[in-house]
Amino acid sequence: MVMAAAMANTGQRPPFLPGLGGLRGLAALAVLVGHGVAWLTPLPQTPDLYEPFARLTRCGLSAFFVLSGFVLTYNHGAAMAAGELPFGRFAVARLARLYPVYLLTLGLSAGLALLKHGPGSFGGPGHLLAFASLTQTWFLVPSWPQIFPLAWAVSVEVFFYLAFPATAWLLARARTPRAALWLLLAALAAVLALDGLGARLWPQLFTAYAARHPEWTGTPGELAALLFQWLFYSSPYLRIFDWLMGAAAARFFLLKPSMPRNLDILAALCLAGLLLVPLPKDSFLLQVVAQNVLYAPFLTALLLAFAARPRAFLSARRLGAVSAASLSIYLVQTWTLGVFAGPPATGWPEALLRLAAGLAATFAVGLAVARFIEHPAARWVMMVMQRKSLRRPGA
């Protein structure tokens, strides 16, 4: 890891970190299990018992965002800041991994919506364009139907890519571990301040937004739920702070790759407490924080610990396979889990069988899609880019 610190201010790619893939696999499992319990079991009918699984889903998604910031900065931050990695090449390489499988699942979702509800299910050409360009979660139009709800996380990720050049430039100015740590803490303080401001001004925000949408006058509760979900959970403008914390953590790690022993155990215990211990229900601010950044500081600590000293289980072959197919597993679960959905009154024995079948089907389909579509498409795009680069004069 001394080599990683030496490369912190150069465009050279630092050493591979085996612990990161295992953490990504765990995040994928957390999201899948949380969704499976929500969609295939009667547990959501008992909110107090279901709440830990809802938190598990939120924690898993937050882990993806923190990981994204860390991995991009660790692997490409120095090259981007030094001007050695053109943004166009970076963007094409990232979209080559995301877009083919996303386009496939989006087409499936749109086709099913068309068959079930007709052309009106698309919400107009602007809505389709937003989904096709992966900008659908950058704004909220409550009257538009959700063609592909799970894709919000991919749309947020694309927003992060646009922020990467400026983030890499800023982090490159952090020349010491202390400076990088201060940037990490500044990102946490900023989102907490925004959460506090949003919680305090929520009545005024909702009143102003409802005034712009009089068609929702008869259902203000539904509009409030949509606005709350978007503003504090799925919009990129608050979720980017998870990503920024991961990015700052990568810079910190490159400058100081040694971490305290058992940091991962301490971070895991804190996360377990956040998942299992009931949170006060009378604090609106805490409800807001729980939607976005509640888990990010402890996930960042866990990530730093695994980067410095990965546990043996993180290198398990099956966990690595889940990690490599995590995007496909995430995108296909709408249908692979939905196939096994039963009536609300389903008993527990049947529900557990449906859950097991749904999880197994999701793994099988996700692994197949990753192997035959996601990864080959990414390799093909990069090969085309390399050929074009070699044909340029002076290349």
Protein backbone atom coordinates (compact mmCIF):
# COMPACT_ATOMS: atom_id res chain seq x y z
CA MET A 1 0.00 0.00 0.00
CA VAL A 2 3.01 2.30 0.17
CA MET A 3 2.86 2.28 -3.63
CA ALA A 4 -0.71 3.54 -3.51
CA ALA A 5 0.33 6.51 -1.41
CA ALA A 6 3.19 7.25 -3.81
CA MET A 7 0.75 7.31 -6.74
CA ALA A 8 -1.72 9.65 -5.07
CA ASN A 9 -0.58 12.66 -7.09
CA THR A 10 0.22 10.90 -10.37
CA GLY A 11 -1.84 9.51 -13.21
CA GLN A 12 -0.65 5.95 -12.56
CA ARG A 13 -3.31 3.43 -11.58
CA PRO A 14 -2.86 2.21 -7.98
CA PRO A 15 -2.84 -1.45 -6.86
CA PHE A 16 -5.97 -3.61 -7.00
CA LEU A 17 -7.97 -3.78 -3.76
CA PRO A 18 -9.57 -7.22 -3.36
CA GLY A 19 -11.89 -6.15 -0.54
CA LEU A 20 -13.95 -3.78 -2.66
CA GLY A 21 -15.59 -6.43 -4.82
CA GLY A 22 -16.72 -8.37 -1.77
CA LEU A 23 -18.31 -5.28 -0.27
CA ARG A 24 -20.13 -4.61 -3.55
CA GLY A 25 -21.45 -8.17 -3.49
CA LEU A 26 -22.71 -7.68 0.07
CA ALA A 27 -24.44 -4.46 -0.98
CA ALA A 28 -26.15 -6.26 -3.87
CA LEU A 29 -27.35 -8.99 -1.49
CA ALA A 30 -28.67 -6.39 0.97
CA VAL A 31 -30.75 -4.63 -1.70
CA LEU A 32 -32.05 -7.89 -3.16
CA VAL A 33 -33.06 -9.38 0.20
CA GLY A 34 -34.72 -6.12 1.24
CA HIS A 35 -36.74 -5.96 -1.97
CA GLY A 36 -37.58 -9.66 -1.79
CA VAL A 37 -38.98 -9.37 1.72
CA ALA A 38 -40.94 -6.24 0.73
CA TRP A 39 -42.49 -7.73 -2.40
CA LEU A 40 -42.91 -11.41 -1.61
CA THR A 41 -43.75 -11.70 2.09
CA PRO A 42 -46.48 -10.34 4.39
CA LEU A 43 -43.87 -8.72 6.66
CA PRO A 44 -44.57 -5.14 5.43
CA GLN A 45 -48.01 -5.52 7.05
CA THR A 46 -46.15 -5.41 10.39
CA PRO A 47 -44.15 -2.16 10.07
CA ASP A 48 -42.07 -2.55 13.23
CA LEU A 49 -40.81 -5.99 12.15
CA TYR A 50 -40.36 -4.95 8.53
CA GLU A 51 -38.42 -1.76 9.28
CA PRO A 52 -34.97 -3.45 9.58
CA PHE A 53 -35.38 -4.86 6.06
CA ALA A 54 -36.40 -1.46 4.70
CA ARG A 55 -33.26 -0.03 6.30
CA LEU A 56 -31.24 -2.90 4.83
CA THR A 57 -32.33 -1.82 1.35
CA ARG A 58 -31.43 1.80 2.01
CA CYS A 59 -28.09 0.77 3.50
CA GLY A 60 -27.27 -1.38 0.48
CA LEU A 61 -28.03 1.41 -1.96
CA SER A 62 -25.98 3.87 0.08
CA ALA A 63 -23.11 1.36 -0.02
CA PHE A 64 -23.25 1.34 -3.83
CA PHE A 65 -22.98 5.14 -3.94
CA VAL A 66 -20.11 5.29 -1.42
CA LEU A 67 -18.33 2.52 -3.31
CA SER A 68 -18.79 4.31 -6.61
CA GLY A 69 -17.14 7.46 -5.31
CA PHE A 70 -14.28 5.48 -3.78
CA VAL A 71 -13.59 3.27 -6.80
CA LEU A 72 -13.72 6.06 -9.37
CA THR A 73 -11.43 8.30 -7.34
CA TYR A 74 -9.03 5.51 -6.37
CA ASN A 75 -8.67 4.22 -9.94
CA HIS A 76 -9.07 7.35 -12.06
CA GLY A 77 -9.01 10.44 -9.82
CA ALA A 78 -5.33 11.30 -10.29
CA ALA A 79 -5.47 10.77 -14.07
CA MET A 80 -8.63 12.86 -14.38
CA ALA A 81 -7.18 15.68 -12.27
CA ALA A 82 -3.92 15.64 -14.24
CA GLY A 83 -5.74 15.82 -17.58
CA GLU A 84 -4.44 12.40 -18.63
CA LEU A 85 -7.93 10.89 -18.81
CA PRO A 86 -10.27 12.77 -21.20
CA PHE A 87 -13.76 13.03 -19.79
CA GLY A 88 -15.24 11.74 -23.05
CA ARG A 89 -13.27 8.52 -22.82
CA PHE A 90 -14.16 8.14 -19.15
CA ALA A 91 -17.86 8.74 -19.80
CA VAL A 92 -18.02 6.28 -22.71
CA ALA A 93 -16.25 3.61 -20.67
CA ARG A 94 -18.67 4.04 -17.77
CA LEU A 95 -21.78 4.17 -19.94
CA ALA A 96 -20.60 1.13 -21.90
CA ARG A 97 -21.03 -0.86 -18.70
CA LEU A 98 -24.38 0.67 -17.73
CA TYR A 99 -26.30 1.48 -20.87
CA PRO A 100 -26.69 -1.78 -22.83
CA VAL A 101 -28.21 -3.74 -19.95
CA TYR A 102 -30.16 -0.68 -18.84
CA LEU A 103 -31.59 -0.21 -22.33
CA LEU A 104 -32.58 -3.88 -22.44
CA THR A 105 -34.42 -3.76 -19.12
CA LEU A 106 -35.96 -0.37 -19.92
CA GLY A 107 -37.31 -1.75 -23.20
CA LEU A 108 -38.77 -4.74 -21.37
CA SER A 109 -40.41 -2.49 -18.79
CA ALA A 110 -41.80 -0.11 -21.42
CA GLY A 111 -43.08 -3.01 -23.52
CA LEU A 112 -44.91 -4.58 -20.59
CA ALA A 113 -46.41 -1.21 -19.66
CA LEU A 114 -47.61 -0.74 -23.24
CA LEU A 115 -49.26 -4.17 -23.31
CA LYS A 116 -50.89 -3.70 -19.93
CA HIS A 117 -51.98 -0.06 -19.97
CA GLY A 118 -51.60 1.19 -23.54
CA PRO A 119 -49.66 4.21 -24.85
CA GLY A 120 -50.85 6.39 -21.96
CA SER A 121 -48.61 4.44 -19.60
CA PHE A 122 -45.53 6.21 -21.00
CA GLY A 123 -46.47 9.69 -19.84
CA GLY A 124 -45.47 11.39 -23.09
CA PRO A 125 -42.32 11.59 -25.24
CA GLY A 126 -40.53 13.81 -22.72
CA HIS A 127 -40.83 11.12 -20.10
CA LEU A 128 -39.49 8.47 -22.45
CA LEU A 129 -36.62 10.75 -23.42
CA ALA A 130 -35.75 11.30 -19.77
CA PHE A 131 -35.59 7.55 -19.17
CA ALA A 132 -33.63 6.93 -22.37
CA SER A 133 -31.08 9.62 -21.42
CA LEU A 134 -30.89 8.44 -17.79
CA THR A 135 -31.96 11.82 -16.44
CA GLN A 136 -35.38 10.79 -15.14
CA THR A 137 -34.58 11.26 -11.47
CA TRP A 138 -32.94 14.66 -11.90
CA PHE A 139 -36.36 16.28 -11.66
CA LEU A 140 -39.83 15.35 -10.41
CA VAL A 141 -42.98 15.38 -12.52
CA PRO A 142 -45.55 13.70 -10.25
CA SER A 143 -48.09 13.08 -13.02
CA TRP A 144 -45.68 10.90 -15.00
CA PRO A 145 -46.02 7.13 -14.47
CA GLN A 146 -43.04 5.17 -13.25
CA ILE A 147 -42.02 3.13 -16.29
CA PHE A 148 -39.00 1.59 -14.57
CA PRO A 149 -38.86 2.62 -10.88
CA LEU A 150 -35.64 0.82 -9.90
CA ALA A 151 -33.67 2.67 -12.57
CA TRP A 152 -33.54 5.77 -10.38
CA ALA A 153 -30.24 4.57 -8.89
CA VAL A 154 -28.65 4.30 -12.34
CA SER A 155 -29.83 7.80 -13.21
CA VAL A 156 -28.24 9.10 -10.00
CA GLU A 157 -25.00 7.31 -10.88
CA VAL A 158 -24.86 9.09 -14.25
CA PHE A 159 -25.20 12.41 -12.41
CA PHE A 160 -22.16 11.42 -10.34
CA TYR A 161 -20.15 10.84 -13.51
CA LEU A 162 -20.79 14.43 -14.57
CA ALA A 163 -19.50 15.61 -11.20
CA PHE A 164 -16.36 13.49 -11.33
CA PRO A 165 -13.97 15.91 -13.13
CA ALA A 166 -14.66 18.73 -10.67
CA THR A 167 -14.50 16.33 -7.72
CA ALA A 168 -11.19 14.84 -8.90
CA TRP A 169 -9.73 18.34 -9.35
CA LEU A 170 -10.79 19.37 -5.85
CA LEU A 171 -9.54 16.20 -4.18
CA ALA A 172 -6.18 16.46 -5.95
CA ARG A 173 -5.66 19.71 -4.02
CA ALA A 174 -5.84 17.73 -0.76
CA ARG A 175 -2.13 16.99 -0.32
CA THR A 176 -2.31 15.48 3.16
CA PRO A 177 -4.52 12.85 4.82
CA ARG A 178 -5.87 15.51 7.16
CA ALA A 179 -6.99 17.67 4.24
CA ALA A 180 -8.75 14.71 2.61
CA LEU A 181 -10.42 13.84 5.91
CA TRP A 182 -11.62 17.41 6.28
CA LEU A 183 -13.21 17.22 2.82
CA LEU A 184 -14.94 13.99 3.82
CA LEU A 185 -16.28 15.59 6.99
CA ALA A 186 -17.31 18.69 5.03
CA ALA A 187 -19.44 16.53 2.72
CA LEU A 188 -21.11 14.91 5.74
CA ALA A 189 -21.68 18.28 7.42
CA ALA A 190 -23.12 19.74 4.22
CA VAL A 191 -25.73 17.02 3.72
CA LEU A 192 -26.70 17.10 7.39
CA ALA A 193 -27.18 20.86 7.12
CA LEU A 194 -29.28 20.43 3.98
CA ASP A 195 -31.32 17.70 5.65
CA GLY A 196 -31.92 19.97 8.62
CA LEU A 197 -32.93 22.85 6.39
CA GLY A 198 -35.23 20.60 4.36
CA ALA A 199 -36.89 19.21 7.49
CA ARG A 200 -37.41 22.68 8.91
CA LEU A 201 -38.82 24.11 5.70
CA TRP A 202 -40.81 21.03 4.69
CA PRO A 203 -44.28 22.61 5.26
CA GLN A 204 -43.36 25.60 3.10
CA LEU A 205 -41.70 23.41 0.47
CA PHE A 206 -44.71 21.15 0.17
CA THR A 207 -47.21 24.03 0.13
CA ALA A 208 -45.28 25.74 -2.67
CA TYR A 209 -44.95 22.53 -4.65
CA ALA A 210 -48.62 21.60 -4.20
CA ALA A 211 -49.62 25.06 -5.46
CA ARG A 212 -47.84 24.25 -8.74
CA HIS A 213 -49.78 21.00 -9.11
CA PRO A 214 -53.47 21.74 -8.48
CA GLU A 215 -54.41 18.43 -10.12
CA TRP A 216 -53.30 16.75 -6.88
CA THR A 217 -55.56 18.84 -4.65
CA GLY A 218 -57.73 15.85 -3.80
CA THR A 219 -54.77 13.62 -2.87
CA PRO A 220 -52.26 15.78 -0.98
CA GLY A 221 -50.93 12.78 0.95
CA GLU A 222 -49.85 11.02 -2.24
CA LEU A 223 -48.16 14.16 -3.53
CA ALA A 224 -46.37 14.66 -0.20
CA ALA A 225 -45.09 11.07 -0.31
CA LEU A 226 -43.82 11.51 -3.88
CA LEU A 227 -42.05 14.78 -3.06
CA PHE A 228 -40.53 13.43 0.16
CA GLN A 229 -39.28 10.27 -1.56
CA TRP A 230 -37.71 12.20 -4.41
CA LEU A 231 -36.26 15.10 -2.45
CA PHE A 232 -34.63 13.13 0.34
CA TYR A 233 -34.06 9.68 -1.17
CA SER A 234 -33.83 9.41 -4.95
CA SER A 235 -32.75 12.82 -6.21
CA PRO A 236 -29.04 13.14 -7.06
CA TYR A 237 -28.75 16.47 -5.28
CA LEU A 238 -28.65 14.89 -1.82
CA ARG A 239 -27.45 11.39 -2.76
CA ILE A 240 -24.27 12.87 -4.22
CA PHE A 241 -22.95 13.41 -0.71
CA ASP A 242 -22.73 9.64 -0.16
CA TRP A 243 -20.66 9.53 -3.33
CA LEU A 244 -18.51 12.50 -2.29
CA MET A 245 -17.75 10.86 1.04
CA GLY A 246 -16.59 7.75 -0.80
CA ALA A 247 -14.47 9.88 -3.15
CA ALA A 248 -12.84 11.77 -0.28
CA ALA A 249 -12.24 8.46 1.51
CA ALA A 250 -10.35 7.19 -1.55
CA ARG A 251 -8.11 10.26 -1.52
CA PHE A 252 -7.53 9.80 2.20
CA PHE A 253 -6.66 6.13 1.65
CA LEU A 254 -4.24 6.91 -1.17
CA LEU A 255 -2.42 9.30 1.15
CA LYS A 256 -2.69 7.10 4.26
CA PRO A 257 -3.32 3.45 3.33
CA SER A 258 -2.91 2.07 6.86
CA MET A 259 -6.05 1.84 9.03
CA PRO A 260 -6.66 0.92 12.67
CA ARG A 261 -7.13 -2.76 13.33
CA ASN A 262 -10.71 -3.97 13.80
CA LEU A 263 -12.09 -0.78 12.28
CA ASP A 264 -14.32 -2.99 10.15
CA ILE A 265 -15.75 -4.73 13.23
CA LEU A 266 -16.56 -1.43 14.89
CA ALA A 267 -18.16 -0.05 11.72
CA ALA A 268 -20.16 -3.27 11.20
CA LEU A 269 -21.46 -3.13 14.77
CA CYS A 270 -22.56 0.48 14.28
CA LEU A 271 -24.36 -0.46 11.05
CA ALA A 272 -26.03 -3.40 12.78
CA GLY A 273 -27.27 -1.03 15.46
CA LEU A 274 -28.70 1.35 12.86
CA LEU A 275 -30.47 -1.57 11.17
CA LEU A 276 -31.91 -3.18 14.28
CA VAL A 277 -32.38 -0.53 16.97
CA PRO A 278 -35.72 1.34 16.69
CA LEU A 279 -35.31 5.00 15.81
CA PRO A 280 -37.48 7.67 17.45
CA LYS A 281 -40.61 8.09 15.35
CA ASP A 282 -41.39 11.63 16.49
CA SER A 283 -38.30 13.20 14.89
CA PHE A 284 -38.98 14.35 11.35
CA LEU A 285 -35.32 15.33 10.96
CA LEU A 286 -34.21 11.81 11.79
CA GLN A 287 -36.65 10.42 9.23
CA VAL A 288 -35.09 12.71 6.63
CA VAL A 289 -31.51 11.76 7.55
CA ALA A 290 -32.44 8.05 7.47
CA GLN A 291 -33.46 8.42 3.83
CA ASN A 292 -29.99 9.39 2.61
CA VAL A 293 -26.84 9.79 4.66
CA LEU A 294 -27.52 7.89 7.90
CA TYR A 295 -25.43 4.86 6.92
CA ALA A 296 -22.77 6.55 4.80
CA PRO A 297 -20.22 7.44 7.53
CA PHE A 298 -20.12 3.87 8.83
CA LEU A 299 -20.09 2.41 5.32
CA THR A 300 -17.15 4.68 4.54
CA ALA A 301 -15.28 3.42 7.61
CA LEU A 302 -16.08 -0.18 6.63
CA LEU A 303 -14.85 0.47 3.11
CA LEU A 304 -11.57 1.97 4.33
CA ALA A 305 -11.03 -0.99 6.65
CA PHE A 306 -11.70 -3.55 3.90
CA ALA A 307 -9.50 -1.64 1.47
CA ALA A 308 -6.57 -1.73 3.89
CA ARG A 309 -7.08 -5.19 5.37
CA PRO A 310 -9.71 -7.30 3.55
CA ARG A 311 -11.26 -10.22 5.37
CA ALA A 312 -10.91 -13.66 3.80
CA PHE A 313 -14.65 -14.07 3.17
CA LEU A 314 -14.62 -11.06 0.83
CA SER A 315 -12.64 -13.11 -1.68
CA ALA A 316 -15.22 -15.92 -1.85
CA ARG A 317 -15.81 -16.93 -5.45
CA ARG A 318 -19.60 -16.77 -5.26
CA LEU A 319 -19.53 -13.36 -3.61
CA GLY A 320 -17.23 -12.20 -6.39
CA ALA A 321 -19.70 -13.47 -8.99
CA VAL A 322 -22.50 -11.51 -7.32
CA SER A 323 -20.28 -8.43 -7.26
CA ALA A 324 -19.44 -8.70 -10.97
CA ALA A 325 -23.14 -9.08 -11.85
CA SER A 326 -24.48 -6.58 -9.29
CA LEU A 327 -25.83 -4.14 -11.88
CA SER A 328 -27.69 -6.82 -13.81
CA ILE A 329 -28.98 -8.40 -10.61
CA TYR A 330 -30.31 -5.01 -9.50
CA LEU A 331 -32.01 -4.19 -12.79
CA VAL A 332 -33.71 -7.55 -13.43
CA GLN A 333 -35.17 -8.04 -9.96
CA THR A 334 -38.31 -6.07 -10.79
CA TRP A 335 -39.43 -8.98 -12.97
CA THR A 336 -37.63 -11.96 -11.44
CA LEU A 337 -39.10 -11.18 -8.03
CA GLY A 338 -42.43 -10.03 -9.47
CA VAL A 339 -43.00 -13.39 -11.15
CA PHE A 340 -43.26 -14.99 -7.70
CA ALA A 341 -45.48 -12.36 -6.08
CA GLY A 342 -48.61 -13.73 -4.40
CA PRO A 343 -51.80 -12.26 -2.92
CA PRO A 344 -51.45 -10.07 0.20
CA ALA A 345 -52.99 -12.81 2.36
CA THR A 346 -50.26 -15.32 1.47
CA GLY A 347 -49.24 -17.38 4.49
CA TRP A 348 -45.67 -17.53 5.73
CA PRO A 349 -44.77 -21.02 4.47
CA GLU A 350 -45.82 -20.13 0.93
CA ALA A 351 -44.25 -16.67 1.21
CA LEU A 352 -40.88 -18.11 2.23
CA LEU A 353 -40.99 -20.52 -0.71
CA ARG A 354 -41.81 -17.63 -3.04
CA LEU A 355 -38.96 -15.60 -1.53
CA ALA A 356 -36.44 -18.41 -1.97
CA ALA A 357 -37.57 -19.00 -5.55
CA GLY A 358 -37.48 -15.29 -6.35
CA LEU A 359 -33.97 -14.84 -4.97
CA ALA A 360 -32.71 -17.90 -6.85
CA ALA A 361 -34.31 -16.73 -10.10
CA THR A 362 -32.83 -13.26 -9.70
CA PHE A 363 -29.33 -14.64 -9.21
CA ALA A 364 -29.66 -16.95 -12.21
CA VAL A 365 -31.06 -14.32 -14.57
CA GLY A 366 -28.76 -11.57 -13.30
CA LEU A 367 -25.65 -13.69 -13.73
CA ALA A 368 -26.75 -14.70 -17.24
CA VAL A 369 -27.50 -11.13 -18.29
CA ALA A 370 -24.15 -9.95 -16.95
CA ARG A 371 -22.27 -12.73 -18.71
CA PHE A 372 -23.97 -12.54 -22.09
CA ILE A 373 -24.97 -8.85 -22.37
CA GLU A 374 -23.46 -6.48 -19.82
CA HIS A 375 -19.83 -7.56 -19.92
CA PRO A 376 -19.56 -8.39 -23.67
CA ALA A 377 -21.18 -5.06 -24.58
CA ALA A 378 -18.70 -3.16 -22.40
CA ARG A 379 -15.76 -5.01 -23.94
CA TRP A 380 -17.05 -4.38 -27.47
CA VAL A 381 -17.45 -0.63 -26.89
CA MET A 382 -13.96 -0.34 -25.42
CA MET A 383 -12.52 -2.33 -28.33
CA VAL A 384 -14.18 0.03 -30.81
CA MET A 385 -12.81 3.02 -28.91
CA GLN A 386 -9.29 1.60 -28.99
CA ARG A 387 -9.49 0.95 -32.73
CA LYS A 388 -10.64 4.49 -33.40
CA SER A 389 -7.85 5.84 -31.21
CA LEU A 390 -5.22 3.84 -33.14
CA ARG A 391 -6.52 5.16 -36.48
CA ARG A 392 -6.08 8.78 -35.48
CA PRO A 393 -3.02 10.56 -36.91
CA GLY A 394 -0.16 10.49 -34.46
CA ALA A 395 -1.76 7.81 -32.29
